[in-house]
């Protein structure tokens, strides 16, 4: 092995705990981000399905009688 390889190996061996800890933390962060993205997707799909379901329901129709308002406005203009 060349001296350069030996030096690199010693440096990696000296920092192995740091490297392993960093890799473990990055793995946890990666999993957390993917979990949040998956939950957001599931919530969005659920909300969309609920919205479509609610849009297909019949709505109650209310009829408004404006005769009193019309009579009042006509009496003002006279």
PDB file of N, CA and C in Angstrom:
ATOM      1  N   UNK A   1       0.844  -1.185   0.000  1.00  0.00           N
ATOM      2  CA  UNK A   1       0.000   0.000   0.000  1.00  0.00           C
ATOM      3  C   UNK A   1       0.880   1.235   0.000  1.00  0.00           C
ATOM      4  N   UNK A   2       0.444   2.214  -0.734  1.00  0.00           N
ATOM      5  CA  UNK A   2       1.213   3.442  -0.752  1.00  0.00           C
ATOM      6  C   UNK A   2       0.962   4.208   0.544  1.00  0.00           C
ATOM      7  N   UNK A   3       1.811   5.115   0.818  1.00  0.00           N
ATOM      8  CA  UNK A   3       1.709   5.902   2.047  1.00  0.00           C
ATOM      9  C   UNK A   3       0.411   6.706   2.061  1.00  0.00           C
ATOM     10  N   UNK A   4      -0.013   7.134   0.899  1.00  0.00           N
ATOM     11  CA  UNK A   4      -1.249   7.904   0.792  1.00  0.00           C
ATOM     12  C   UNK A   4      -2.450   7.060   1.224  1.00  0.00           C
ATOM     13  N   UNK A   5      -2.496   5.817   0.799  1.00  0.00           N
ATOM     14  CA  UNK A   5      -3.582   4.924   1.179  1.00  0.00           C
ATOM     15  C   UNK A   5      -3.548   4.631   2.673  1.00  0.00           C
ATOM     16  N   UNK A   6      -2.364   4.455   3.200  1.00  0.00           N
ATOM     17  CA  UNK A   6      -2.221   4.174   4.626  1.00  0.00           C
ATOM     18  C   UNK A   6      -2.709   5.366   5.444  1.00  0.00           C
ATOM     19  N   UNK A   7      -2.331   6.561   5.039  1.00  0.00           N
ATOM     20  CA  UNK A   7      -2.768   7.761   5.751  1.00  0.00           C
ATOM     21  C   UNK A   7      -4.289   7.921   5.689  1.00  0.00           C
ATOM     22  N   UNK A   8      -4.871   7.659   4.516  1.00  0.00           N
ATOM     23  CA  UNK A   8      -6.319   7.764   4.358  1.00  0.00           C
ATOM     24  C   UNK A   8      -7.029   6.735   5.247  1.00  0.00           C
ATOM     25  N   UNK A   9      -6.510   5.515   5.306  1.00  0.00           N
ATOM     26  CA  UNK A   9      -7.095   4.467   6.142  1.00  0.00           C
ATOM     27  C   UNK A   9      -7.031   4.851   7.619  1.00  0.00           C
ATOM     28  N   UNK A  10      -5.889   5.387   8.056  1.00  0.00           N
ATOM     29  CA  UNK A  10      -5.757   5.800   9.460  1.00  0.00           C
ATOM     30  C   UNK A  10      -6.734   6.925   9.792  1.00  0.00           C
ATOM     31  N   UNK A  11      -6.873   7.866   8.847  1.00  0.00           N
ATOM     32  CA  UNK A  11      -7.803   8.976   9.067  1.00  0.00           C
ATOM     33  C   UNK A  11      -9.236   8.459   9.158  1.00  0.00           C
ATOM     34  N   UNK A  12      -9.630   7.538   8.278  1.00  0.00           N
ATOM     35  CA  UNK A  12     -10.970   6.972   8.307  1.00  0.00           C
ATOM     36  C   UNK A  12     -11.200   6.183   9.590  1.00  0.00           C
ATOM     37  N   UNK A  13     -10.171   5.439  10.013  1.00  0.00           N
ATOM     38  CA  UNK A  13     -10.303   4.642  11.229  1.00  0.00           C
ATOM     39  C   UNK A  13     -10.451   5.550  12.448  1.00  0.00           C
ATOM     40  N   UNK A  14      -9.732   6.670  12.461  1.00  0.00           N
ATOM     41  CA  UNK A  14      -9.792   7.598  13.589  1.00  0.00           C
ATOM     42  C   UNK A  14     -11.171   8.270  13.661  1.00  0.00           C
ATOM     43  N   UNK A  15     -11.771   8.512  12.516  1.00  0.00           N
ATOM     44  CA  UNK A  15     -13.066   9.207  12.470  1.00  0.00           C
ATOM     45  C   UNK A  15     -14.244   8.259  12.248  1.00  0.00           C
ATOM     46  N   UNK A  16     -14.043   6.971  12.412  1.00  0.00           N
ATOM     47  CA  UNK A  16     -15.085   5.997  12.106  1.00  0.00           C
ATOM     48  C   UNK A  16     -16.344   6.216  12.951  1.00  0.00           C
ATOM     49  N   UNK A  17     -16.174   6.514  14.227  1.00  0.00           N
ATOM     50  CA  UNK A  17     -17.339   6.730  15.094  1.00  0.00           C
ATOM     51  C   UNK A  17     -18.139   7.948  14.623  1.00  0.00           C
ATOM     52  N   UNK A  18     -17.438   9.007  14.271  1.00  0.00           N
ATOM     53  CA  UNK A  18     -18.099  10.207  13.773  1.00  0.00           C
ATOM     54  C   UNK A  18     -18.835   9.924  12.470  1.00  0.00           C
ATOM     55  N   UNK A  19     -18.169   9.212  11.589  1.00  0.00           N
ATOM     56  CA  UNK A  19     -18.760   8.885  10.293  1.00  0.00           C
ATOM     57  C   UNK A  19     -19.991   8.011  10.475  1.00  0.00           C
ATOM     58  N   UNK A  20     -19.907   6.993  11.322  1.00  0.00           N
ATOM     59  CA  UNK A  20     -21.040   6.103  11.559  1.00  0.00           C
ATOM     60  C   UNK A  20     -22.208   6.862  12.189  1.00  0.00           C
ATOM     61  N   UNK A  21     -21.905   7.757  13.122  1.00  0.00           N
ATOM     62  CA  UNK A  21     -22.954   8.553  13.768  1.00  0.00           C
ATOM     63  C   UNK A  21     -23.634   9.456  12.750  1.00  0.00           C
ATOM     64  N   UNK A  22     -22.856  10.101  11.892  1.00  0.00           N
ATOM     65  CA  UNK A  22     -23.403  10.987  10.866  1.00  0.00           C
ATOM     66  C   UNK A  22     -24.285  10.203   9.890  1.00  0.00           C
ATOM     67  N   UNK A  23     -23.835   9.014   9.498  1.00  0.00           N
ATOM     68  CA  UNK A  23     -24.629   8.183   8.591  1.00  0.00           C
ATOM     69  C   UNK A  23     -25.932   7.741   9.256  1.00  0.00           C
ATOM     70  N   UNK A  24     -25.878   7.403  10.537  1.00  0.00           N
ATOM     71  CA  UNK A  24     -27.069   6.992  11.264  1.00  0.00           C
ATOM     72  C   UNK A  24     -28.061   8.156  11.365  1.00  0.00           C
ATOM     73  N   UNK A  25     -27.559   9.349  11.663  1.00  0.00           N
ATOM     74  CA  UNK A  25     -28.422  10.532  11.763  1.00  0.00           C
ATOM     75  C   UNK A  25     -29.041  10.849  10.404  1.00  0.00           C
ATOM     76  N   UNK A  26     -28.257  10.785   9.345  1.00  0.00           N
ATOM     77  CA  UNK A  26     -28.785  11.063   8.011  1.00  0.00           C
ATOM     78  C   UNK A  26     -29.842  10.031   7.621  1.00  0.00           C
ATOM     79  N   UNK A  27     -29.657   8.793   8.038  1.00  0.00           N
ATOM     80  CA  UNK A  27     -30.648   7.751   7.753  1.00  0.00           C
ATOM     81  C   UNK A  27     -31.955   8.063   8.466  1.00  0.00           C
ATOM     82  N   UNK A  28     -31.875   8.489   9.711  1.00  0.00           N
ATOM     83  CA  UNK A  28     -33.069   8.839  10.481  1.00  0.00           C
ATOM     84  C   UNK A  28     -33.763  10.047   9.857  1.00  0.00           C
ATOM     85  N   UNK A  29     -33.000  11.049   9.465  1.00  0.00           N
ATOM     86  CA  UNK A  29     -33.576  12.250   8.847  1.00  0.00           C
ATOM     87  C   UNK A  29     -34.253  11.881   7.527  1.00  0.00           C
ATOM     88  N   UNK A  30     -33.606  11.056   6.741  1.00  0.00           N
ATOM     89  CA  UNK A  30     -34.163  10.626   5.462  1.00  0.00           C
ATOM     90  C   UNK A  30     -35.502   9.899   5.673  1.00  0.00           C
ATOM     91  N   UNK A  31     -35.531   9.006   6.659  1.00  0.00           N
ATOM     92  CA  UNK A  31     -36.761   8.267   6.960  1.00  0.00           C
ATOM     93  C   UNK A  31     -37.860   9.217   7.441  1.00  0.00           C
ATOM     94  N   UNK A  32     -37.496  10.192   8.257  1.00  0.00           N
ATOM     95  CA  UNK A  32     -38.479  11.144   8.770  1.00  0.00           C
ATOM     96  C   UNK A  32     -39.071  11.983   7.636  1.00  0.00           C
ATOM     97  N   UNK A  33     -38.224  12.442   6.741  1.00  0.00           N
ATOM     98  CA  UNK A  33     -38.703  13.250   5.613  1.00  0.00           C
ATOM     99  C   UNK A  33     -39.627  12.418   4.724  1.00  0.00           C
ATOM    100  N   UNK A  34     -39.258  11.193   4.448  1.00  0.00           N
ATOM    101  CA  UNK A  34     -40.102  10.326   3.629  1.00  0.00           C
ATOM    102  C   UNK A  34     -41.437  10.033   4.320  1.00  0.00           C
ATOM    103  N   UNK A  35     -41.399   9.857   5.639  1.00  0.00           N
ATOM    104  CA  UNK A  35     -42.627   9.615   6.385  1.00  0.00           C
ATOM    105  C   UNK A  35     -43.550  10.825   6.319  1.00  0.00           C
ATOM    106  N   UNK A  36     -43.003  12.010   6.496  1.00  0.00           N
ATOM    107  CA  UNK A  36     -43.810  13.227   6.428  1.00  0.00           C
ATOM    108  C   UNK A  36     -44.392  13.396   5.026  1.00  0.00           C
ATOM    109  N   UNK A  37     -43.593  13.131   4.008  1.00  0.00           N
ATOM    110  CA  UNK A  37     -44.088  13.244   2.632  1.00  0.00           C
ATOM    111  C   UNK A  37     -45.203  12.230   2.370  1.00  0.00           C
ATOM    112  N   UNK A  38     -45.033  11.011   2.862  1.00  0.00           N
ATOM    113  CA  UNK A  38     -46.066   9.981   2.672  1.00  0.00           C
ATOM    114  C   UNK A  38     -47.344  10.371   3.404  1.00  0.00           C
ATOM    115  N   UNK A  39     -47.235  10.879   4.623  1.00  0.00           N
ATOM    116  CA  UNK A  39     -48.415  11.315   5.378  1.00  0.00           C
ATOM    117  C   UNK A  39     -49.117  12.470   4.681  1.00  0.00           C
ATOM    118  N   UNK A  40     -48.346  13.405   4.147  1.00  0.00           N
ATOM    119  CA  UNK A  40     -48.941  14.530   3.425  1.00  0.00           C
ATOM    120  C   UNK A  40     -49.702  14.032   2.196  1.00  0.00           C
ATOM    121  N   UNK A  41     -49.127  13.081   1.473  1.00  0.00           N
ATOM    122  CA  UNK A  41     -49.785  12.516   0.298  1.00  0.00           C
ATOM    123  C   UNK A  41     -51.075  11.799   0.682  1.00  0.00           C
ATOM    124  N   UNK A  42     -51.026  11.018   1.745  1.00  0.00           N
ATOM    125  CA  UNK A  42     -52.212  10.283   2.198  1.00  0.00           C
ATOM    126  C   UNK A  42     -53.302  11.259   2.641  1.00  0.00           C
ATOM    127  N   UNK A  43     -52.924  12.286   3.387  1.00  0.00           N
ATOM    128  CA  UNK A  43     -53.908  13.285   3.836  1.00  0.00           C
ATOM    129  C   UNK A  43     -54.518  14.015   2.647  1.00  0.00           C
ATOM    130  N   UNK A  44     -53.697  14.382   1.669  1.00  0.00           N
ATOM    131  CA  UNK A  44     -54.195  15.082   0.494  1.00  0.00           C
ATOM    132  C   UNK A  44     -55.169  14.197  -0.284  1.00  0.00           C
ATOM    133  N   UNK A  45     -54.833  12.924  -0.450  1.00  0.00           N
ATOM    134  CA  UNK A  45     -55.730  12.009  -1.151  1.00  0.00           C
ATOM    135  C   UNK A  45     -57.040  11.833  -0.387  1.00  0.00           C
ATOM    136  N   UNK A  46     -56.962  11.715   0.927  1.00  0.00           N
ATOM    137  CA  UNK A  46     -58.156  11.580   1.740  1.00  0.00           C
ATOM    138  C   UNK A  46     -59.040  12.809   1.663  1.00  0.00           C
ATOM    139  N   UNK A  47     -58.429  13.978   1.742  1.00  0.00           N
ATOM    140  CA  UNK A  47     -59.190  15.217   1.655  1.00  0.00           C
ATOM    141  C   UNK A  47     -59.849  15.349   0.288  1.00  0.00           C
ATOM    142  N   UNK A  48     -59.117  15.004  -0.768  1.00  0.00           N
ATOM    143  CA  UNK A  48     -59.679  15.086  -2.115  1.00  0.00           C
ATOM    144  C   UNK A  48     -60.862  14.136  -2.269  1.00  0.00           C
ATOM    145  N   UNK A  49     -60.725  12.928  -1.759  1.00  0.00           N
ATOM    146  CA  UNK A  49     -61.824  11.964  -1.843  1.00  0.00           C
ATOM    147  C   UNK A  49     -63.037  12.469  -1.059  1.00  0.00           C
ATOM    148  N   UNK A  50     -62.805  13.021   0.121  1.00  0.00           N
ATOM    149  CA  UNK A  50     -63.899  13.563   0.930  1.00  0.00           C
ATOM    150  C   UNK A  50     -64.573  14.730   0.215  1.00  0.00           C
ATOM    151  N   UNK A  51     -63.769  15.603  -0.390  1.00  0.00           N
ATOM    152  CA  UNK A  51     -64.301  16.760  -1.099  1.00  0.00           C
ATOM    153  C   UNK A  51     -65.159  16.320  -2.283  1.00  0.00           C
ATOM    154  N   UNK A  52     -64.709  15.317  -3.021  1.00  0.00           N
ATOM    155  CA  UNK A  52     -65.482  14.803  -4.151  1.00  0.00           C
ATOM    156  C   UNK A  52     -66.780  14.177  -3.643  1.00  0.00           C
ATOM    157  N   UNK A  53     -66.692  13.442  -2.551  1.00  0.00           N
ATOM    158  CA  UNK A  53     -67.879  12.817  -1.971  1.00  0.00           C
ATOM    159  C   UNK A  53     -68.904  13.871  -1.542  1.00  0.00           C
ATOM    160  N   UNK A  54     -68.441  14.908  -0.890  1.00  0.00           N
ATOM    161  CA  UNK A  54     -69.335  15.969  -0.428  1.00  0.00           C
ATOM    162  C   UNK A  54     -69.918  16.755  -1.599  1.00  0.00           C
ATOM    163  N   UNK A  55     -69.161  16.916  -2.679  1.00  0.00           N
ATOM    164  CA  UNK A  55     -69.653  17.663  -3.836  1.00  0.00           C
ATOM    165  C   UNK A  55     -70.772  16.902  -4.541  1.00  0.00           C
ATOM    166  N   UNK A  56     -70.774  15.589  -4.446  1.00  0.00           N
ATOM    167  CA  UNK A  56     -71.790  14.786  -5.116  1.00  0.00           C
ATOM    168  C   UNK A  56     -73.094  14.681  -4.326  1.00  0.00           C
ATOM    169  N   UNK A  57     -73.109  15.113  -3.080  1.00  0.00           N
ATOM    170  CA  UNK A  57     -74.324  15.067  -2.271  1.00  0.00           C
ATOM    171  C   UNK A  57     -75.313  16.124  -2.746  1.00  0.00           C
ATOM    172  N   UNK A  58     -76.601  15.833  -2.561  1.00  0.00           N
ATOM    173  CA  UNK A  58     -77.617  16.826  -2.889  1.00  0.00           C
ATOM    174  C   UNK A  58     -77.645  17.899  -1.812  1.00  0.00           C
ATOM    175  N   UNK A  59     -77.835  19.103  -2.253  1.00  0.00           N
ATOM    176  CA  UNK A  59     -77.888  20.211  -1.311  1.00  0.00           C
ATOM    177  C   UNK A  59     -79.327  20.665  -1.151  1.00  0.00           C
ATOM    178  N   UNK A  60     -79.659  21.099   0.029  1.00  0.00           N
ATOM    179  CA  UNK A  60     -81.010  21.609   0.278  1.00  0.00           C
ATOM    180  C   UNK A  60     -81.156  22.965  -0.405  1.00  0.00           C
ATOM    181  N   UNK A  61     -82.266  23.142  -1.096  1.00  0.00           N
ATOM    182  CA  UNK A  61     -82.516  24.392  -1.804  1.00  0.00           C
ATOM    183  C   UNK A  61     -83.484  25.222  -0.978  1.00  0.00           C
ATOM    184  N   UNK A  62     -83.114  26.450  -0.753  1.00  0.00           N
ATOM    185  CA  UNK A  62     -83.982  27.352   0.011  1.00  0.00           C
ATOM    186  C   UNK A  62     -84.538  28.400  -0.946  1.00  0.00           C
ATOM    187  N   UNK A  63     -85.822  28.665  -0.819  1.00  0.00           N
ATOM    188  CA  UNK A  63     -86.462  29.656  -1.664  1.00  0.00           C
ATOM    189  C   UNK A  63     -86.689  30.905  -0.825  1.00  0.00           C
ATOM    190  N   UNK A  64     -86.325  32.021  -1.363  1.00  0.00           N
ATOM    191  CA  UNK A  64     -86.439  33.283  -0.636  1.00  0.00           C
ATOM    192  C   UNK A  64     -87.516  34.131  -1.307  1.00  0.00           C
ATOM    193  N   UNK A  65     -88.371  34.661  -0.501  1.00  0.00           N
ATOM    194  CA  UNK A  65     -89.448  35.509  -0.995  1.00  0.00           C
ATOM    195  C   UNK A  65     -89.050  36.965  -0.781  1.00  0.00           C
ATOM    196  N   UNK A  66     -88.848  37.684  -1.882  1.00  0.00           N
ATOM    197  CA  UNK A  66     -88.407  39.072  -1.818  1.00  0.00           C
ATOM    198  C   UNK A  66     -89.571  40.055  -1.989  1.00  0.00           C
ATOM    199  N   UNK A  67     -90.791  39.594  -1.868  1.00  0.00           N
ATOM    200  CA  UNK A  67     -91.945  40.479  -2.086  1.00  0.00           C
ATOM    201  C   UNK A  67     -91.950  41.662  -1.125  1.00  0.00           C
ATOM    202  N   UNK A  68     -91.639  41.414   0.144  1.00  0.00           N
ATOM    203  CA  UNK A  68     -91.654  42.490   1.143  1.00  0.00           C
ATOM    204  C   UNK A  68     -90.574  43.522   0.818  1.00  0.00           C
ATOM    205  N   UNK A  69     -89.409  43.075   0.412  1.00  0.00           N
ATOM    206  CA  UNK A  69     -88.322  44.005   0.081  1.00  0.00           C
ATOM    207  C   UNK A  69     -88.688  44.801  -1.162  1.00  0.00           C
ATOM    208  N   UNK A  70     -89.245  44.144  -2.151  1.00  0.00           N
ATOM    209  CA  UNK A  70     -89.643  44.820  -3.385  1.00  0.00           C
ATOM    210  C   UNK A  70     -90.724  45.862  -3.100  1.00  0.00           C
ATOM    211  N   UNK A  71     -91.701  45.495  -2.283  1.00  0.00           N
ATOM    212  CA  UNK A  71     -92.748  46.450  -1.921  1.00  0.00           C
ATOM    213  C   UNK A  71     -92.175  47.651  -1.177  1.00  0.00           C
ATOM    214  N   UNK A  72     -91.243  47.406  -0.284  1.00  0.00           N
ATOM    215  CA  UNK A  72     -90.615  48.498   0.469  1.00  0.00           C
ATOM    216  C   UNK A  72     -89.841  49.417  -0.462  1.00  0.00           C
ATOM    217  N   UNK A  73     -89.062  48.854  -1.388  1.00  0.00           N
ATOM    218  CA  UNK A  73     -88.290  49.671  -2.324  1.00  0.00           C
ATOM    219  C   UNK A  73     -89.219  50.460  -3.256  1.00  0.00           C
ATOM    220  N   UNK A  74     -90.312  49.841  -3.659  1.00  0.00           N
ATOM    221  CA  UNK A  74     -91.277  50.560  -4.516  1.00  0.00           C
ATOM    222  C   UNK A  74     -91.934  51.706  -3.750  1.00  0.00           C
ATOM    223  N   UNK A  75     -92.195  51.496  -2.452  1.00  0.00           N
ATOM    224  CA  UNK A  75     -92.817  52.564  -1.663  1.00  0.00           C
ATOM    225  C   UNK A  75     -91.837  53.716  -1.444  1.00  0.00           C
ATOM    226  N   UNK A  76     -90.546  53.445  -1.422  1.00  0.00           N
ATOM    227  CA  UNK A  76     -89.553  54.507  -1.261  1.00  0.00           C
ATOM    228  C   UNK A  76     -89.442  55.333  -2.531  1.00  0.00           C
ATOM    229  N   UNK A  77     -89.518  54.690  -3.663  1.00  0.00           N
ATOM    230  CA  UNK A  77     -89.334  55.405  -4.916  1.00  0.00           C
ATOM    231  C   UNK A  77     -90.587  56.212  -5.306  1.00  0.00           C
ATOM    232  N   UNK A  78     -91.746  55.958  -4.678  1.00  0.00           N
ATOM    233  CA  UNK A  78     -92.965  56.687  -5.026  1.00  0.00           C
ATOM    234  C   UNK A  78     -93.039  58.026  -4.395  1.00  0.00           C
TER     235      UNK A  78
END
